[in-house]
Amino acid sequence: MYGIQKSHGNAGPVRISQDSVREVELAPKREIRSHLLKGDLKSSDFSTRISDEGNASRITVRGKFVAGGLAASVLTVEAVEAQTRRNYQQLRDEILRRKTKEPRPAF
């Protein structure tokens, strides 16, 4: 399966947008693996695993990327890690909001 992705993130005061075409391999309810075929990065390979831990689930993300151009100067491991944590926290918050049937927050 192939996926086209446009992502945005902040690296300090700089906002970065990345376009990519990825090959995606799914292992339903366990793992998602992706490999960059074409895009703004030089290379990128990621794996997202979901494992049950009693009443909770653990999501583990492992990856490797090589940035080029302007992105190489501001796209650090720490910036990607922080943005990924924010994204998963937002996803978690939305899942819990829907589970409790709370209304969407006003923006």
N, C-alpha and C. Protein backbone atom coordinates (compact mmCIF):
# COMPACT_ATOMS: atom_id res chain seq x y z
N MET A 1 0.85 -1.15 0.00
CA MET A 1 0.00 0.00 0.00
C MET A 1 0.91 1.23 0.00
N TYR A 2 0.42 2.29 -0.65
CA TYR A 2 1.18 3.54 -0.70
C TYR A 2 0.39 4.65 -0.05
N GLY A 3 1.08 5.60 0.55
CA GLY A 3 0.41 6.72 1.17
C GLY A 3 1.11 8.02 0.81
N ILE A 4 0.33 9.05 0.61
CA ILE A 4 0.87 10.38 0.37
C ILE A 4 0.60 11.18 1.64
N GLN A 5 1.63 11.85 2.13
CA GLN A 5 1.50 12.54 3.41
C GLN A 5 2.08 13.94 3.31
N LYS A 6 1.38 14.88 3.89
CA LYS A 6 1.90 16.23 4.07
C LYS A 6 1.88 16.46 5.57
N SER A 7 3.02 16.72 6.14
CA SER A 7 3.09 16.92 7.58
C SER A 7 3.68 18.29 7.88
N HIS A 8 3.32 18.79 9.04
CA HIS A 8 3.79 20.10 9.49
C HIS A 8 4.28 19.96 10.92
N GLY A 9 5.28 20.69 11.24
CA GLY A 9 5.77 20.67 12.60
C GLY A 9 6.59 21.91 12.88
N ASN A 10 6.82 22.15 14.14
CA ASN A 10 7.62 23.29 14.55
C ASN A 10 8.95 22.80 15.09
N ALA A 11 9.98 23.45 14.69
CA ALA A 11 11.32 23.19 15.21
C ALA A 11 11.81 24.53 15.74
N GLY A 12 11.55 24.75 17.02
CA GLY A 12 11.85 26.07 17.58
C GLY A 12 10.94 27.08 16.93
N PRO A 13 11.46 28.21 16.46
CA PRO A 13 10.62 29.24 15.86
C PRO A 13 10.29 28.97 14.39
N VAL A 14 10.83 27.89 13.82
CA VAL A 14 10.65 27.61 12.39
C VAL A 14 9.55 26.58 12.19
N ARG A 15 8.61 26.86 11.29
CA ARG A 15 7.55 25.90 10.93
C ARG A 15 8.01 25.17 9.68
N ILE A 16 7.98 23.84 9.73
CA ILE A 16 8.46 23.01 8.62
C ILE A 16 7.31 22.18 8.07
N SER A 17 7.20 22.15 6.74
CA SER A 17 6.24 21.28 6.06
C SER A 17 7.03 20.27 5.25
N GLN A 18 6.58 19.04 5.28
CA GLN A 18 7.24 17.96 4.55
C GLN A 18 6.20 17.23 3.70
N ASP A 19 6.54 16.95 2.46
CA ASP A 19 5.70 16.13 1.59
C ASP A 19 6.41 14.80 1.39
N SER A 20 5.62 13.72 1.33
CA SER A 20 6.25 12.43 1.11
C SER A 20 5.28 11.43 0.49
N VAL A 21 5.86 10.49 -0.23
CA VAL A 21 5.15 9.31 -0.71
C VAL A 21 5.82 8.14 -0.01
N ARG A 22 5.01 7.36 0.69
CA ARG A 22 5.55 6.28 1.52
C ARG A 22 4.92 4.95 1.13
N GLU A 23 5.73 3.92 1.23
CA GLU A 23 5.23 2.56 1.14
C GLU A 23 4.85 2.17 2.56
N VAL A 24 3.63 1.69 2.76
CA VAL A 24 3.13 1.39 4.09
C VAL A 24 2.75 -0.09 4.16
N GLU A 25 3.22 -0.75 5.20
CA GLU A 25 2.89 -2.16 5.44
C GLU A 25 2.15 -2.26 6.77
N LEU A 26 0.96 -2.86 6.72
CA LEU A 26 0.13 -2.98 7.91
C LEU A 26 0.12 -4.41 8.44
N ALA A 27 0.28 -4.54 9.74
CA ALA A 27 0.05 -5.80 10.44
C ALA A 27 -1.11 -5.47 11.39
N PRO A 28 -2.36 -5.70 10.95
CA PRO A 28 -3.53 -5.21 11.69
C PRO A 28 -3.47 -5.45 13.19
N LYS A 29 -3.80 -4.38 13.91
CA LYS A 29 -3.87 -4.33 15.37
C LYS A 29 -2.53 -4.58 16.06
N ARG A 30 -1.42 -4.53 15.29
CA ARG A 30 -0.10 -4.76 15.89
C ARG A 30 0.94 -3.74 15.48
N GLU A 31 1.05 -3.50 14.16
CA GLU A 31 2.18 -2.69 13.71
C GLU A 31 1.90 -2.02 12.37
N ILE A 32 2.50 -0.84 12.20
CA ILE A 32 2.49 -0.12 10.92
C ILE A 32 3.95 0.20 10.61
N ARG A 33 4.40 -0.18 9.43
CA ARG A 33 5.77 0.15 9.00
C ARG A 33 5.68 1.01 7.74
N SER A 34 6.56 2.00 7.66
CA SER A 34 6.56 2.84 6.47
C SER A 34 7.99 3.14 6.02
N HIS A 35 8.12 3.28 4.72
CA HIS A 35 9.42 3.55 4.09
C HIS A 35 9.22 4.65 3.06
N LEU A 36 10.06 5.67 3.13
CA LEU A 36 9.98 6.80 2.21
C LEU A 36 10.36 6.37 0.80
N LEU A 37 9.49 6.64 -0.17
CA LEU A 37 9.80 6.40 -1.57
C LEU A 37 10.22 7.69 -2.27
N LYS A 38 9.57 8.80 -1.89
CA LYS A 38 9.84 10.08 -2.54
C LYS A 38 9.40 11.18 -1.58
N GLY A 39 10.17 12.25 -1.51
CA GLY A 39 9.76 13.35 -0.66
C GLY A 39 10.88 14.31 -0.34
N ASP A 40 10.59 15.18 0.63
CA ASP A 40 11.53 16.23 1.00
C ASP A 40 12.71 15.73 1.83
N LEU A 41 12.54 14.61 2.53
CA LEU A 41 13.64 14.04 3.30
C LEU A 41 14.52 13.20 2.38
N LYS A 42 15.76 12.97 2.79
CA LYS A 42 16.64 12.08 2.02
C LYS A 42 16.22 10.63 2.22
N SER A 43 15.87 10.28 3.46
CA SER A 43 15.38 8.93 3.75
C SER A 43 14.57 8.96 5.03
N SER A 44 13.70 7.96 5.18
CA SER A 44 12.86 7.88 6.37
C SER A 44 12.24 6.49 6.45
N ASP A 45 12.43 5.83 7.58
CA ASP A 45 11.83 4.53 7.85
C ASP A 45 11.29 4.55 9.28
N PHE A 46 10.00 4.19 9.44
CA PHE A 46 9.39 4.21 10.76
C PHE A 46 8.55 2.97 11.00
N SER A 47 8.45 2.62 12.27
CA SER A 47 7.62 1.51 12.70
C SER A 47 6.84 1.96 13.93
N THR A 48 5.53 1.73 13.91
CA THR A 48 4.67 2.04 15.06
C THR A 48 4.05 0.73 15.52
N ARG A 49 4.33 0.35 16.77
CA ARG A 49 3.81 -0.90 17.33
C ARG A 49 2.81 -0.60 18.44
N ILE A 50 1.76 -1.43 18.48
CA ILE A 50 0.76 -1.32 19.53
C ILE A 50 0.78 -2.65 20.29
N SER A 51 0.91 -2.56 21.62
CA SER A 51 0.91 -3.78 22.44
C SER A 51 -0.03 -3.58 23.62
N ASP A 52 -0.72 -4.65 23.98
CA ASP A 52 -1.62 -4.61 25.12
C ASP A 52 -0.84 -4.77 26.41
N GLU A 53 -1.23 -3.99 27.39
CA GLU A 53 -0.63 -4.08 28.72
C GLU A 53 -1.75 -4.02 29.75
N GLY A 54 -2.48 -5.12 29.85
CA GLY A 54 -3.60 -5.16 30.79
C GLY A 54 -4.74 -4.30 30.29
N ASN A 55 -5.10 -3.29 31.06
CA ASN A 55 -6.20 -2.40 30.69
C ASN A 55 -5.76 -1.24 29.80
N ALA A 56 -4.52 -1.22 29.43
CA ALA A 56 -3.99 -0.12 28.63
C ALA A 56 -3.28 -0.67 27.39
N SER A 57 -2.99 0.20 26.48
CA SER A 57 -2.20 -0.14 25.30
C SER A 57 -0.95 0.73 25.29
N ARG A 58 0.14 0.15 24.82
CA ARG A 58 1.39 0.90 24.67
C ARG A 58 1.64 1.09 23.19
N ILE A 59 1.97 2.33 22.81
CA ILE A 59 2.34 2.65 21.44
C ILE A 59 3.82 2.99 21.44
N THR A 60 4.57 2.26 20.63
CA THR A 60 6.01 2.47 20.53
C THR A 60 6.35 2.87 19.10
N VAL A 61 7.01 3.99 18.94
CA VAL A 61 7.39 4.48 17.61
C VAL A 61 8.91 4.47 17.52
N ARG A 62 9.41 3.83 16.50
CA ARG A 62 10.85 3.81 16.25
C ARG A 62 11.06 4.22 14.80
N GLY A 63 12.08 5.02 14.59
CA GLY A 63 12.31 5.44 13.22
C GLY A 63 13.67 6.03 13.01
N LYS A 64 13.96 6.23 11.76
CA LYS A 64 15.22 6.83 11.36
C LYS A 64 14.93 7.71 10.16
N PHE A 65 15.45 8.92 10.19
CA PHE A 65 15.27 9.80 9.04
C PHE A 65 16.56 10.56 8.80
N VAL A 66 16.74 10.98 7.56
CA VAL A 66 17.86 11.83 7.18
C VAL A 66 17.27 13.02 6.45
N ALA A 67 17.43 14.20 7.05
CA ALA A 67 16.89 15.42 6.47
C ALA A 67 17.92 16.05 5.54
N GLY A 68 17.45 16.84 4.62
CA GLY A 68 18.33 17.57 3.71
C GLY A 68 17.89 19.01 3.63
N GLY A 69 18.69 19.85 3.01
CA GLY A 69 18.34 21.25 2.81
C GLY A 69 18.15 22.00 4.12
N LEU A 70 17.20 22.95 4.12
CA LEU A 70 16.92 23.77 5.30
C LEU A 70 16.47 22.91 6.47
N ALA A 71 15.71 21.86 6.18
CA ALA A 71 15.20 20.99 7.25
C ALA A 71 16.34 20.37 8.05
N ALA A 72 17.47 20.11 7.41
CA ALA A 72 18.59 19.46 8.11
C ALA A 72 19.13 20.33 9.24
N SER A 73 18.98 21.64 9.13
CA SER A 73 19.52 22.51 10.17
C SER A 73 18.60 22.65 11.38
N VAL A 74 17.30 22.39 11.21
CA VAL A 74 16.36 22.57 12.32
C VAL A 74 15.62 21.31 12.72
N LEU A 75 15.63 20.29 11.87
CA LEU A 75 14.88 19.06 12.14
C LEU A 75 15.77 18.10 12.93
N THR A 76 15.71 18.23 14.24
CA THR A 76 16.53 17.40 15.11
C THR A 76 15.71 16.23 15.65
N VAL A 77 16.40 15.26 16.19
CA VAL A 77 15.72 14.11 16.81
C VAL A 77 14.79 14.61 17.92
N GLU A 78 15.28 15.55 18.71
CA GLU A 78 14.47 16.07 19.81
C GLU A 78 13.20 16.77 19.31
N ALA A 79 13.31 17.52 18.21
CA ALA A 79 12.14 18.22 17.66
C ALA A 79 11.12 17.22 17.12
N VAL A 80 11.60 16.19 16.43
CA VAL A 80 10.69 15.17 15.90
C VAL A 80 10.04 14.41 17.06
N GLU A 81 10.82 14.08 18.06
CA GLU A 81 10.29 13.36 19.23
C GLU A 81 9.21 14.18 19.93
N ALA A 82 9.46 15.46 20.14
CA ALA A 82 8.49 16.33 20.82
C ALA A 82 7.22 16.47 20.00
N GLN A 83 7.34 16.65 18.69
CA GLN A 83 6.16 16.78 17.82
C GLN A 83 5.37 15.48 17.80
N THR A 84 6.06 14.35 17.75
CA THR A 84 5.38 13.05 17.75
C THR A 84 4.61 12.85 19.05
N ARG A 85 5.23 13.21 20.18
CA ARG A 85 4.53 13.09 21.46
C ARG A 85 3.27 13.97 21.50
N ARG A 86 3.38 15.20 20.97
CA ARG A 86 2.21 16.09 20.92
C ARG A 86 1.10 15.49 20.05
N ASN A 87 1.49 14.95 18.90
CA ASN A 87 0.51 14.36 17.99
C ASN A 87 -0.23 13.19 18.65
N TYR A 88 0.52 12.31 19.32
CA TYR A 88 -0.12 11.16 19.96
C TYR A 88 -0.96 11.59 21.15
N GLN A 89 -0.56 12.63 21.86
CA GLN A 89 -1.37 13.13 22.97
C GLN A 89 -2.69 13.68 22.44
N GLN A 90 -2.64 14.41 21.32
CA GLN A 90 -3.87 14.93 20.73
C GLN A 90 -4.78 13.79 20.27
N LEU A 91 -4.19 12.76 19.68
CA LEU A 91 -4.96 11.60 19.24
C LEU A 91 -5.61 10.92 20.44
N ARG A 92 -4.84 10.72 21.52
CA ARG A 92 -5.37 10.11 22.75
C ARG A 92 -6.51 10.93 23.31
N ASP A 93 -6.32 12.25 23.39
CA ASP A 93 -7.36 13.13 23.91
C ASP A 93 -8.65 13.02 23.09
N GLU A 94 -8.51 12.95 21.78
CA GLU A 94 -9.69 12.85 20.92
C GLU A 94 -10.39 11.51 21.09
N ILE A 95 -9.65 10.43 21.21
CA ILE A 95 -10.25 9.11 21.43
C ILE A 95 -11.04 9.11 22.74
N LEU A 96 -10.42 9.64 23.80
CA LEU A 96 -11.11 9.68 25.09
C LEU A 96 -12.33 10.60 25.05
N ARG A 97 -12.24 11.72 24.34
CA ARG A 97 -13.38 12.63 24.21
C ARG A 97 -14.55 11.92 23.53
N ARG A 98 -14.27 11.21 22.45
CA ARG A 98 -15.33 10.49 21.74
C ARG A 98 -15.91 9.36 22.59
N LYS A 99 -15.05 8.69 23.34
CA LYS A 99 -15.51 7.59 24.19
C LYS A 99 -16.52 8.09 25.24
N THR A 100 -16.29 9.27 25.77
CA THR A 100 -17.18 9.82 26.78
C THR A 100 -18.30 10.68 26.16
N LYS A 101 -18.28 10.77 24.82
CA LYS A 101 -19.28 11.54 24.08
C LYS A 101 -19.32 13.01 24.48
N GLU A 102 -18.19 13.54 24.88
CA GLU A 102 -18.11 14.97 25.20
C GLU A 102 -18.16 15.77 23.90
N PRO A 103 -18.71 16.98 23.94
CA PRO A 103 -18.74 17.80 22.73
C PRO A 103 -17.32 18.27 22.37
N ARG A 104 -17.16 18.60 21.11
CA ARG A 104 -15.87 19.15 20.66
C ARG A 104 -15.62 20.47 21.34
N PRO A 105 -14.35 20.75 21.67
CA PRO A 105 -14.05 22.05 22.27
C PRO A 105 -14.27 23.18 21.23
N ALA A 106 -14.70 24.32 21.71
CA ALA A 106 -14.89 25.48 20.83
C ALA A 106 -13.53 26.11 20.56
N PHE A 107 -13.29 26.49 19.31
CA PHE A 107 -12.01 27.13 18.95
C PHE A 107 -12.24 28.54 18.55
